[in-house]
Amino acid sequence: MQGGTIPEDTFIKTTKTLFTLTPGQLKAKIQELGGMCICGTCASYTSCAKDAAEGLFCAHGTSFRCITDGKGCRCPGCPVAKSIGLKYNAYCLTGSEKAQRFDAMIR
């Protein structure tokens, strides 16, 4: 970080774009990303998470109560991760991309 600015990678640019969307456009974008999401195919995903309609953890953050044990991670191969430039993993257990980036920044 130079001069107090954060380098703008794909994730930062995407996040900035999301802030400019109308509520309807934002809802459509979230639905689009949800359609690409592969959380439900991960070994860590549980029937509880399915019943609670949890997913898109990279954006929403950790599982509320359903996923407590990591049994594998498909995040690196996820189309959402590739399309919006995610670099972290295990979002269902460790938090959203935004949260993990912030945590890494203050360490």
C-alpha atoms as a PDB file:
ATOM      1  CA  MET A   1       0.000   0.000   0.000  1.00  0.00           C
ATOM      2  CA  GLN A   2       1.572   3.241  -1.120  1.00  0.00           C
ATOM      3  CA  GLY A   3       0.327   6.678  -0.198  1.00  0.00           C
ATOM      4  CA  GLY A   4      -2.661   5.249   1.716  1.00  0.00           C
ATOM      5  CA  THR A   5      -4.313   3.735  -1.338  1.00  0.00           C
ATOM      6  CA  ILE A   6      -5.134   0.106  -1.900  1.00  0.00           C
ATOM      7  CA  PRO A   7      -4.051  -1.401  -5.234  1.00  0.00           C
ATOM      8  CA  GLU A   8      -7.145  -2.030  -7.337  1.00  0.00           C
ATOM      9  CA  ASP A   9      -7.368  -5.660  -8.316  1.00  0.00           C
ATOM     10  CA  THR A  10     -10.471  -7.260  -9.833  1.00  0.00           C
ATOM     11  CA  PHE A  11     -12.170  -7.719  -6.448  1.00  0.00           C
ATOM     12  CA  ILE A  12     -11.721  -4.050  -5.448  1.00  0.00           C
ATOM     13  CA  LYS A  13     -12.987  -2.863  -8.839  1.00  0.00           C
ATOM     14  CA  THR A  14     -15.987  -5.209  -8.633  1.00  0.00           C
ATOM     15  CA  THR A  15     -16.798  -4.039  -5.111  1.00  0.00           C
ATOM     16  CA  LYS A  16     -16.660  -0.393  -6.179  1.00  0.00           C
ATOM     17  CA  THR A  17     -18.986  -1.171  -9.086  1.00  0.00           C
ATOM     18  CA  LEU A  18     -21.466  -2.885  -6.740  1.00  0.00           C
ATOM     19  CA  PHE A  19     -21.752   0.343  -4.726  1.00  0.00           C
ATOM     20  CA  THR A  20     -22.981   2.166  -7.831  1.00  0.00           C
ATOM     21  CA  LEU A  21     -25.825  -0.248  -8.588  1.00  0.00           C
ATOM     22  CA  THR A  22     -29.463   0.403  -7.835  1.00  0.00           C
ATOM     23  CA  PRO A  23     -31.103  -2.011  -5.374  1.00  0.00           C
ATOM     24  CA  GLY A  24     -32.698  -3.882  -8.280  1.00  0.00           C
ATOM     25  CA  GLN A  25     -29.416  -4.145 -10.180  1.00  0.00           C
ATOM     26  CA  LEU A  26     -27.641  -5.317  -7.029  1.00  0.00           C
ATOM     27  CA  LYS A  27     -30.258  -7.996  -6.444  1.00  0.00           C
ATOM     28  CA  ALA A  28     -29.843  -9.180 -10.039  1.00  0.00           C
ATOM     29  CA  LYS A  29     -26.046  -9.292  -9.664  1.00  0.00           C
ATOM     30  CA  ILE A  30     -26.311 -11.311  -6.451  1.00  0.00           C
ATOM     31  CA  GLN A  31     -28.701 -13.726  -8.191  1.00  0.00           C
ATOM     32  CA  GLU A  32     -26.235 -14.024 -11.089  1.00  0.00           C
ATOM     33  CA  LEU A  33     -23.368 -14.818  -8.725  1.00  0.00           C
ATOM     34  CA  GLY A  34     -25.603 -17.202  -6.771  1.00  0.00           C
ATOM     35  CA  GLY A  35     -26.275 -19.086  -9.987  1.00  0.00           C
ATOM     36  CA  MET A  36     -22.522 -19.555 -10.463  1.00  0.00           C
ATOM     37  CA  CYS A  37     -21.931 -20.555  -6.813  1.00  0.00           C
ATOM     38  CA  ILE A  38     -20.664 -24.085  -6.128  1.00  0.00           C
ATOM     39  CA  CYS A  39     -20.837 -23.989  -2.315  1.00  0.00           C
ATOM     40  CA  GLY A  40     -23.518 -26.681  -2.358  1.00  0.00           C
ATOM     41  CA  THR A  41     -21.140 -29.154  -4.017  1.00  0.00           C
ATOM     42  CA  CYS A  42     -18.399 -28.826  -1.392  1.00  0.00           C
ATOM     43  CA  ALA A  43     -17.637 -31.670   1.022  1.00  0.00           C
ATOM     44  CA  SER A  44     -17.941 -29.188   3.919  1.00  0.00           C
ATOM     45  CA  TYR A  45     -21.493 -28.222   2.925  1.00  0.00           C
ATOM     46  CA  THR A  46     -24.086 -29.838   5.176  1.00  0.00           C
ATOM     47  CA  SER A  47     -27.758 -30.693   4.902  1.00  0.00           C
ATOM     48  CA  CYS A  48     -28.344 -28.016   7.558  1.00  0.00           C
ATOM     49  CA  ALA A  49     -26.752 -25.415   5.250  1.00  0.00           C
ATOM     50  CA  LYS A  50     -28.900 -26.644   2.395  1.00  0.00           C
ATOM     51  CA  ASP A  51     -32.083 -26.472   4.484  1.00  0.00           C
ATOM     52  CA  ALA A  52     -31.137 -22.944   5.613  1.00  0.00           C
ATOM     53  CA  ALA A  53     -30.451 -21.923   1.976  1.00  0.00           C
ATOM     54  CA  GLU A  54     -26.929 -20.850   2.904  1.00  0.00           C
ATOM     55  CA  GLY A  55     -24.412 -20.208   0.166  1.00  0.00           C
ATOM     56  CA  LEU A  56     -22.356 -17.587  -1.608  1.00  0.00           C
ATOM     57  CA  PHE A  57     -20.228 -17.487   1.527  1.00  0.00           C
ATOM     58  CA  CYS A  58     -17.528 -15.461  -0.253  1.00  0.00           C
ATOM     59  CA  ALA A  59     -19.969 -12.540  -0.175  1.00  0.00           C
ATOM     60  CA  HIS A  60     -22.168 -13.319   2.838  1.00  0.00           C
ATOM     61  CA  GLY A  61     -19.514 -14.641   5.215  1.00  0.00           C
ATOM     62  CA  THR A  62     -19.456 -17.656   7.457  1.00  0.00           C
ATOM     63  CA  SER A  63     -22.200 -20.191   7.846  1.00  0.00           C
ATOM     64  CA  PHE A  64     -24.547 -18.995  10.550  1.00  0.00           C
ATOM     65  CA  ARG A  65     -24.618 -22.306  12.385  1.00  0.00           C
ATOM     66  CA  CYS A  66     -24.557 -25.143   9.905  1.00  0.00           C
ATOM     67  CA  ILE A  67     -20.949 -25.585   8.798  1.00  0.00           C
ATOM     68  CA  THR A  68     -18.519 -26.080  11.639  1.00  0.00           C
ATOM     69  CA  ASP A  69     -16.001 -28.527  10.203  1.00  0.00           C
ATOM     70  CA  GLY A  70     -13.878 -28.118   7.100  1.00  0.00           C
ATOM     71  CA  LYS A  71     -13.952 -31.299   5.031  1.00  0.00           C
ATOM     72  CA  GLY A  72     -12.462 -29.827   1.893  1.00  0.00           C
ATOM     73  CA  CYS A  73     -12.667 -26.595  -0.052  1.00  0.00           C
ATOM     74  CA  ARG A  74     -13.808 -26.006  -3.619  1.00  0.00           C
ATOM     75  CA  CYS A  75     -13.397 -22.217  -3.462  1.00  0.00           C
ATOM     76  CA  PRO A  76     -10.250 -22.051  -5.636  1.00  0.00           C
ATOM     77  CA  GLY A  77     -12.125 -23.617  -8.557  1.00  0.00           C
ATOM     78  CA  CYS A  78     -15.336 -21.653  -8.109  1.00  0.00           C
ATOM     79  CA  PRO A  79     -16.561 -19.601 -11.088  1.00  0.00           C
ATOM     80  CA  VAL A  80     -17.537 -16.782  -8.688  1.00  0.00           C
ATOM     81  CA  ALA A  81     -13.980 -16.638  -7.326  1.00  0.00           C
ATOM     82  CA  LYS A  82     -12.565 -16.464 -10.820  1.00  0.00           C
ATOM     83  CA  SER A  83     -15.031 -13.877 -12.112  1.00  0.00           C
ATOM     84  CA  ILE A  84     -14.639 -11.357  -9.288  1.00  0.00           C
ATOM     85  CA  GLY A  85     -10.995 -11.960  -8.373  1.00  0.00           C
ATOM     86  CA  LEU A  86     -11.189 -13.687  -5.011  1.00  0.00           C
ATOM     87  CA  LYS A  87      -7.953 -14.817  -3.399  1.00  0.00           C
ATOM     88  CA  TYR A  88      -8.986 -16.398  -0.102  1.00  0.00           C
ATOM     89  CA  ASN A  89     -10.788 -19.685   0.650  1.00  0.00           C
ATOM     90  CA  ALA A  90     -12.998 -21.511   3.130  1.00  0.00           C
ATOM     91  CA  TYR A  91     -15.450 -18.614   3.319  1.00  0.00           C
ATOM     92  CA  CYS A  92     -18.061 -20.742   5.079  1.00  0.00           C
ATOM     93  CA  LEU A  93     -15.683 -21.099   8.029  1.00  0.00           C
ATOM     94  CA  THR A  94     -13.421 -18.040   7.886  1.00  0.00           C
ATOM     95  CA  GLY A  95     -15.559 -15.204   6.548  1.00  0.00           C
ATOM     96  CA  SER A  96     -16.191 -13.281   3.363  1.00  0.00           C
ATOM     97  CA  GLU A  97     -13.459 -12.120   0.999  1.00  0.00           C
ATOM     98  CA  LYS A  98     -13.847  -8.596   2.367  1.00  0.00           C
ATOM     99  CA  ALA A  99     -13.475  -9.784   5.978  1.00  0.00           C
ATOM    100  CA  GLN A 100     -10.461 -11.961   5.214  1.00  0.00           C
ATOM    101  CA  ARG A 101      -8.744  -9.139   3.331  1.00  0.00           C
ATOM    102  CA  PHE A 102      -9.333  -6.763   6.238  1.00  0.00           C
ATOM    103  CA  ASP A 103      -8.015  -9.316   8.732  1.00  0.00           C
ATOM    104  CA  ALA A 104      -4.882  -9.834   6.610  1.00  0.00           C
ATOM    105  CA  MET A 105      -4.363  -6.095   6.317  1.00  0.00           C
ATOM    106  CA  ILE A 106      -4.332  -5.499  10.081  1.00  0.00           C
ATOM    107  CA  ARG A 107      -2.100  -8.427  10.967  1.00  0.00           C
END
